[in-house]
Amino acid sequence: MHFGDTVIHQNGGVMKKPPDKLDEMEVFQQALYNLASKHVKGDDPSSLFMCCGIMLKTCIEMYLSVLNDAAVEKVLQEVIRTIPTLRDKVEHELKKITMH
C-alpha cells in the first residue's frame, strides 16, 4: 500500500517505495482522478466530498480485508504524517494550472 514516497507492508511496516513502481502508481492515480472527475460537479463541493469519502471508505475496507486493526491504524498514521508533503504537492500543481 502506497502513500507519498512510502510503502505499507502487510505486517504494517513502513519503508520507501522502489523507483520502478512510480510509473505504475502514477498511472493508477491518474485513473482514479479520471474516474472521480466524472462524479465531481464543479459547482457542488459536496460531490467532491462524496467521492473522497467513498474512496477513503473503500481503501479502509480493502486494508481491513488483509490487515488487522493495528496495522490499519499504522497505515492511517502514515497517511496523516504525509499531509504536509501532499499539501505542498497539491499547491504546487494548482499553481502550475493557474499559471497556464
N, C-alpha and C. Protein backbone atom coordinates (compact mmCIF):
# COMPACT_ATOMS: atom_id res chain seq x y z
N MET A 1 0.83 -1.16 0.00
CA MET A 1 0.00 0.00 0.00
C MET A 1 0.89 1.23 0.00
N HIS A 2 0.54 2.20 -0.80
CA HIS A 2 1.45 3.31 -1.05
C HIS A 2 0.87 4.65 -0.61
N PHE A 3 1.71 5.47 0.01
CA PHE A 3 1.37 6.84 0.37
C PHE A 3 2.60 7.68 0.14
N GLY A 4 2.47 8.69 -0.72
CA GLY A 4 3.61 9.54 -0.98
C GLY A 4 4.81 8.71 -1.41
N ASP A 5 5.89 8.80 -0.66
CA ASP A 5 7.10 8.05 -1.02
C ASP A 5 7.28 6.82 -0.15
N THR A 6 6.20 6.33 0.47
CA THR A 6 6.32 5.18 1.35
C THR A 6 5.44 4.03 0.90
N VAL A 7 5.79 2.85 1.36
CA VAL A 7 5.02 1.64 1.10
C VAL A 7 4.67 1.03 2.45
N ILE A 8 3.42 0.66 2.63
CA ILE A 8 2.99 -0.01 3.85
C ILE A 8 2.90 -1.50 3.54
N HIS A 9 3.64 -2.31 4.27
CA HIS A 9 3.63 -3.75 4.05
C HIS A 9 2.54 -4.43 4.85
N GLN A 10 2.25 -5.67 4.53
CA GLN A 10 1.16 -6.40 5.15
C GLN A 10 1.28 -6.47 6.66
N ASN A 11 2.49 -6.47 7.18
CA ASN A 11 2.67 -6.51 8.63
C ASN A 11 2.57 -5.12 9.26
N GLY A 12 2.29 -4.11 8.45
CA GLY A 12 2.16 -2.75 8.96
C GLY A 12 3.46 -1.98 8.94
N GLY A 13 4.56 -2.61 8.52
CA GLY A 13 5.85 -1.92 8.44
C GLY A 13 5.86 -0.87 7.35
N VAL A 14 6.71 0.13 7.50
CA VAL A 14 6.79 1.25 6.56
C VAL A 14 8.19 1.31 5.97
N MET A 15 8.29 1.50 4.65
CA MET A 15 9.59 1.69 4.01
C MET A 15 9.41 2.51 2.74
N LYS A 16 10.51 2.96 2.16
CA LYS A 16 10.46 3.74 0.92
C LYS A 16 10.05 2.84 -0.23
N LYS A 17 9.29 3.41 -1.18
CA LYS A 17 8.86 2.61 -2.31
C LYS A 17 9.97 2.52 -3.35
N PRO A 18 10.02 1.41 -4.08
CA PRO A 18 11.04 1.27 -5.13
C PRO A 18 10.73 2.17 -6.31
N PRO A 19 11.76 2.77 -6.91
CA PRO A 19 11.55 3.70 -8.02
C PRO A 19 10.82 3.08 -9.21
N ASP A 20 10.98 1.77 -9.44
CA ASP A 20 10.35 1.16 -10.60
C ASP A 20 8.83 1.07 -10.47
N LYS A 21 8.29 1.32 -9.31
CA LYS A 21 6.84 1.29 -9.11
C LYS A 21 6.20 2.66 -9.33
N LEU A 22 7.02 3.71 -9.48
CA LEU A 22 6.47 5.06 -9.60
C LEU A 22 5.53 5.20 -10.79
N ASP A 23 5.93 4.75 -11.96
CA ASP A 23 5.09 4.90 -13.15
C ASP A 23 3.77 4.18 -12.98
N GLU A 24 3.81 2.96 -12.50
CA GLU A 24 2.58 2.17 -12.30
C GLU A 24 1.64 2.89 -11.33
N MET A 25 2.20 3.42 -10.27
CA MET A 25 1.39 4.10 -9.26
C MET A 25 0.81 5.40 -9.81
N GLU A 26 1.60 6.14 -10.58
CA GLU A 26 1.11 7.39 -11.15
C GLU A 26 0.01 7.13 -12.17
N VAL A 27 0.12 6.06 -12.95
CA VAL A 27 -0.92 5.70 -13.91
C VAL A 27 -2.20 5.35 -13.16
N PHE A 28 -2.08 4.57 -12.10
CA PHE A 28 -3.25 4.18 -11.31
C PHE A 28 -3.89 5.41 -10.67
N GLN A 29 -3.08 6.30 -10.12
CA GLN A 29 -3.61 7.51 -9.50
C GLN A 29 -4.34 8.36 -10.53
N GLN A 30 -3.79 8.49 -11.72
CA GLN A 30 -4.45 9.27 -12.76
C GLN A 30 -5.79 8.64 -13.14
N ALA A 31 -5.84 7.31 -13.18
CA ALA A 31 -7.10 6.61 -13.48
C ALA A 31 -8.14 6.92 -12.41
N LEU A 32 -7.71 6.98 -11.14
CA LEU A 32 -8.64 7.34 -10.06
C LEU A 32 -9.14 8.77 -10.21
N TYR A 33 -8.22 9.69 -10.54
CA TYR A 33 -8.64 11.08 -10.77
C TYR A 33 -9.65 11.14 -11.91
N ASN A 34 -9.39 10.43 -12.98
CA ASN A 34 -10.30 10.43 -14.13
C ASN A 34 -11.68 9.89 -13.75
N LEU A 35 -11.69 8.80 -12.99
CA LEU A 35 -12.96 8.23 -12.55
C LEU A 35 -13.71 9.20 -11.64
N ALA A 36 -13.02 9.76 -10.67
CA ALA A 36 -13.67 10.68 -9.73
C ALA A 36 -14.18 11.93 -10.44
N SER A 37 -13.43 12.42 -11.41
CA SER A 37 -13.84 13.66 -12.09
C SER A 37 -15.18 13.51 -12.80
N LYS A 38 -15.57 12.29 -13.13
CA LYS A 38 -16.87 12.05 -13.77
C LYS A 38 -18.01 12.27 -12.78
N HIS A 39 -17.71 12.26 -11.49
CA HIS A 39 -18.74 12.36 -10.45
C HIS A 39 -18.66 13.65 -9.65
N VAL A 40 -17.64 14.46 -9.90
CA VAL A 40 -17.48 15.71 -9.17
C VAL A 40 -18.02 16.84 -10.03
N LYS A 41 -18.98 17.57 -9.45
CA LYS A 41 -19.57 18.72 -10.15
C LYS A 41 -18.84 19.97 -9.68
N GLY A 42 -18.32 20.75 -10.61
CA GLY A 42 -17.51 21.92 -10.27
C GLY A 42 -18.20 22.91 -9.37
N ASP A 43 -19.53 23.01 -9.45
CA ASP A 43 -20.25 23.99 -8.64
C ASP A 43 -20.85 23.38 -7.37
N ASP A 44 -20.48 22.12 -7.08
CA ASP A 44 -21.04 21.44 -5.92
C ASP A 44 -19.93 20.74 -5.14
N PRO A 45 -19.35 21.44 -4.13
CA PRO A 45 -18.26 20.82 -3.36
C PRO A 45 -18.67 19.53 -2.67
N SER A 46 -19.96 19.37 -2.37
CA SER A 46 -20.39 18.14 -1.69
C SER A 46 -20.15 16.91 -2.57
N SER A 47 -20.15 17.09 -3.89
CA SER A 47 -19.87 15.95 -4.77
C SER A 47 -18.41 15.51 -4.64
N LEU A 48 -17.51 16.47 -4.43
CA LEU A 48 -16.10 16.15 -4.18
C LEU A 48 -15.95 15.40 -2.86
N PHE A 49 -16.63 15.89 -1.82
CA PHE A 49 -16.56 15.23 -0.51
C PHE A 49 -17.11 13.81 -0.59
N MET A 50 -18.19 13.62 -1.36
CA MET A 50 -18.77 12.30 -1.51
C MET A 50 -17.77 11.36 -2.17
N CYS A 51 -17.16 11.79 -3.25
CA CYS A 51 -16.17 10.94 -3.95
C CYS A 51 -15.00 10.60 -3.04
N CYS A 52 -14.47 11.60 -2.37
CA CYS A 52 -13.32 11.37 -1.48
C CYS A 52 -13.70 10.44 -0.34
N GLY A 53 -14.86 10.65 0.24
CA GLY A 53 -15.31 9.80 1.35
C GLY A 53 -15.48 8.36 0.92
N ILE A 54 -16.06 8.15 -0.25
CA ILE A 54 -16.25 6.78 -0.75
C ILE A 54 -14.90 6.13 -1.05
N MET A 55 -13.97 6.87 -1.64
CA MET A 55 -12.65 6.29 -1.91
C MET A 55 -11.93 5.94 -0.61
N LEU A 56 -12.01 6.83 0.38
CA LEU A 56 -11.37 6.57 1.67
C LEU A 56 -12.00 5.35 2.36
N LYS A 57 -13.32 5.29 2.36
CA LYS A 57 -14.03 4.15 2.95
C LYS A 57 -13.62 2.86 2.25
N THR A 58 -13.56 2.89 0.93
CA THR A 58 -13.18 1.71 0.16
C THR A 58 -11.76 1.28 0.47
N CYS A 59 -10.85 2.24 0.58
CA CYS A 59 -9.46 1.92 0.93
C CYS A 59 -9.39 1.24 2.29
N ILE A 60 -10.09 1.80 3.26
CA ILE A 60 -10.04 1.21 4.60
C ILE A 60 -10.62 -0.20 4.57
N GLU A 61 -11.72 -0.39 3.86
CA GLU A 61 -12.30 -1.73 3.74
C GLU A 61 -11.31 -2.71 3.10
N MET A 62 -10.61 -2.24 2.08
CA MET A 62 -9.63 -3.12 1.42
C MET A 62 -8.48 -3.45 2.37
N TYR A 63 -7.99 -2.45 3.12
CA TYR A 63 -6.94 -2.72 4.10
C TYR A 63 -7.41 -3.75 5.11
N LEU A 64 -8.64 -3.57 5.60
CA LEU A 64 -9.17 -4.49 6.61
C LEU A 64 -9.33 -5.91 6.09
N SER A 65 -9.40 -6.07 4.77
CA SER A 65 -9.53 -7.42 4.22
C SER A 65 -8.22 -8.20 4.32
N VAL A 66 -7.09 -7.49 4.53
CA VAL A 66 -5.80 -8.18 4.60
C VAL A 66 -4.95 -7.82 5.83
N LEU A 67 -5.36 -6.79 6.59
CA LEU A 67 -4.59 -6.33 7.74
C LEU A 67 -5.45 -6.37 9.00
N ASN A 68 -4.78 -6.49 10.14
CA ASN A 68 -5.53 -6.37 11.40
C ASN A 68 -5.73 -4.88 11.72
N ASP A 69 -6.52 -4.61 12.73
CA ASP A 69 -6.85 -3.22 13.07
C ASP A 69 -5.61 -2.39 13.38
N ALA A 70 -4.64 -2.97 14.12
CA ALA A 70 -3.43 -2.23 14.48
C ALA A 70 -2.64 -1.83 13.24
N ALA A 71 -2.55 -2.72 12.27
CA ALA A 71 -1.82 -2.41 11.03
C ALA A 71 -2.55 -1.33 10.23
N VAL A 72 -3.88 -1.38 10.21
CA VAL A 72 -4.65 -0.33 9.51
C VAL A 72 -4.42 1.01 10.20
N GLU A 73 -4.38 1.01 11.52
CA GLU A 73 -4.09 2.24 12.25
C GLU A 73 -2.71 2.78 11.89
N LYS A 74 -1.72 1.91 11.71
CA LYS A 74 -0.38 2.35 11.29
C LYS A 74 -0.45 3.00 9.91
N VAL A 75 -1.23 2.40 9.03
CA VAL A 75 -1.41 2.97 7.69
C VAL A 75 -1.98 4.38 7.80
N LEU A 76 -3.03 4.52 8.58
CA LEU A 76 -3.68 5.83 8.72
C LEU A 76 -2.75 6.84 9.38
N GLN A 77 -1.93 6.41 10.33
CA GLN A 77 -0.96 7.31 10.95
C GLN A 77 0.06 7.78 9.90
N GLU A 78 0.46 6.87 9.01
CA GLU A 78 1.40 7.25 7.95
C GLU A 78 0.75 8.24 6.99
N VAL A 79 -0.52 8.04 6.70
CA VAL A 79 -1.24 8.99 5.85
C VAL A 79 -1.24 10.37 6.49
N ILE A 80 -1.55 10.42 7.78
CA ILE A 80 -1.56 11.70 8.49
C ILE A 80 -0.18 12.35 8.45
N ARG A 81 0.88 11.56 8.62
CA ARG A 81 2.24 12.09 8.59
C ARG A 81 2.57 12.73 7.25
N THR A 82 1.97 12.25 6.17
CA THR A 82 2.30 12.75 4.83
C THR A 82 1.46 13.96 4.40
N ILE A 83 0.52 14.39 5.23
CA ILE A 83 -0.36 15.50 4.84
C ILE A 83 0.43 16.75 4.44
N PRO A 84 1.42 17.22 5.21
CA PRO A 84 2.14 18.43 4.78
C PRO A 84 2.83 18.27 3.41
N THR A 85 3.41 17.12 3.17
CA THR A 85 4.07 16.88 1.87
C THR A 85 3.06 16.88 0.75
N LEU A 86 1.94 16.21 0.97
CA LEU A 86 0.90 16.17 -0.05
C LEU A 86 0.30 17.55 -0.28
N ARG A 87 0.12 18.32 0.78
CA ARG A 87 -0.40 19.69 0.66
C ARG A 87 0.53 20.52 -0.23
N ASP A 88 1.84 20.43 0.00
CA ASP A 88 2.80 21.16 -0.83
C ASP A 88 2.69 20.74 -2.29
N LYS A 89 2.55 19.45 -2.53
CA LYS A 89 2.44 18.94 -3.90
C LYS A 89 1.17 19.46 -4.58
N VAL A 90 0.06 19.42 -3.86
CA VAL A 90 -1.20 19.89 -4.42
C VAL A 90 -1.12 21.39 -4.73
N GLU A 91 -0.58 22.16 -3.81
CA GLU A 91 -0.46 23.60 -4.03
C GLU A 91 0.44 23.90 -5.21
N HIS A 92 1.52 23.15 -5.35
CA HIS A 92 2.43 23.32 -6.49
C HIS A 92 1.70 23.01 -7.80
N GLU A 93 0.95 21.92 -7.83
CA GLU A 93 0.21 21.55 -9.04
C GLU A 93 -0.86 22.59 -9.37
N LEU A 94 -1.54 23.11 -8.35
CA LEU A 94 -2.56 24.13 -8.59
C LEU A 94 -1.95 25.41 -9.14
N LYS A 95 -0.76 25.78 -8.65
CA LYS A 95 -0.07 26.96 -9.18
C LYS A 95 0.27 26.78 -10.64
N LYS A 96 0.70 25.57 -11.01
CA LYS A 96 1.03 25.31 -12.42
C LYS A 96 -0.21 25.47 -13.30
N ILE A 97 -1.35 25.03 -12.80
CA ILE A 97 -2.59 25.14 -13.58
C ILE A 97 -3.00 26.58 -13.75
N THR A 98 -2.91 27.39 -12.68
CA THR A 98 -3.35 28.77 -12.76
C THR A 98 -2.38 29.64 -13.54
N MET A 99 -1.13 29.22 -13.69
CA MET A 99 -0.16 29.99 -14.45
C MET A 99 -0.33 29.80 -15.96
N HIS A 100 -0.98 28.73 -16.37
CA HIS A 100 -1.12 28.44 -17.79
C HIS A 100 -2.31 29.10 -18.38
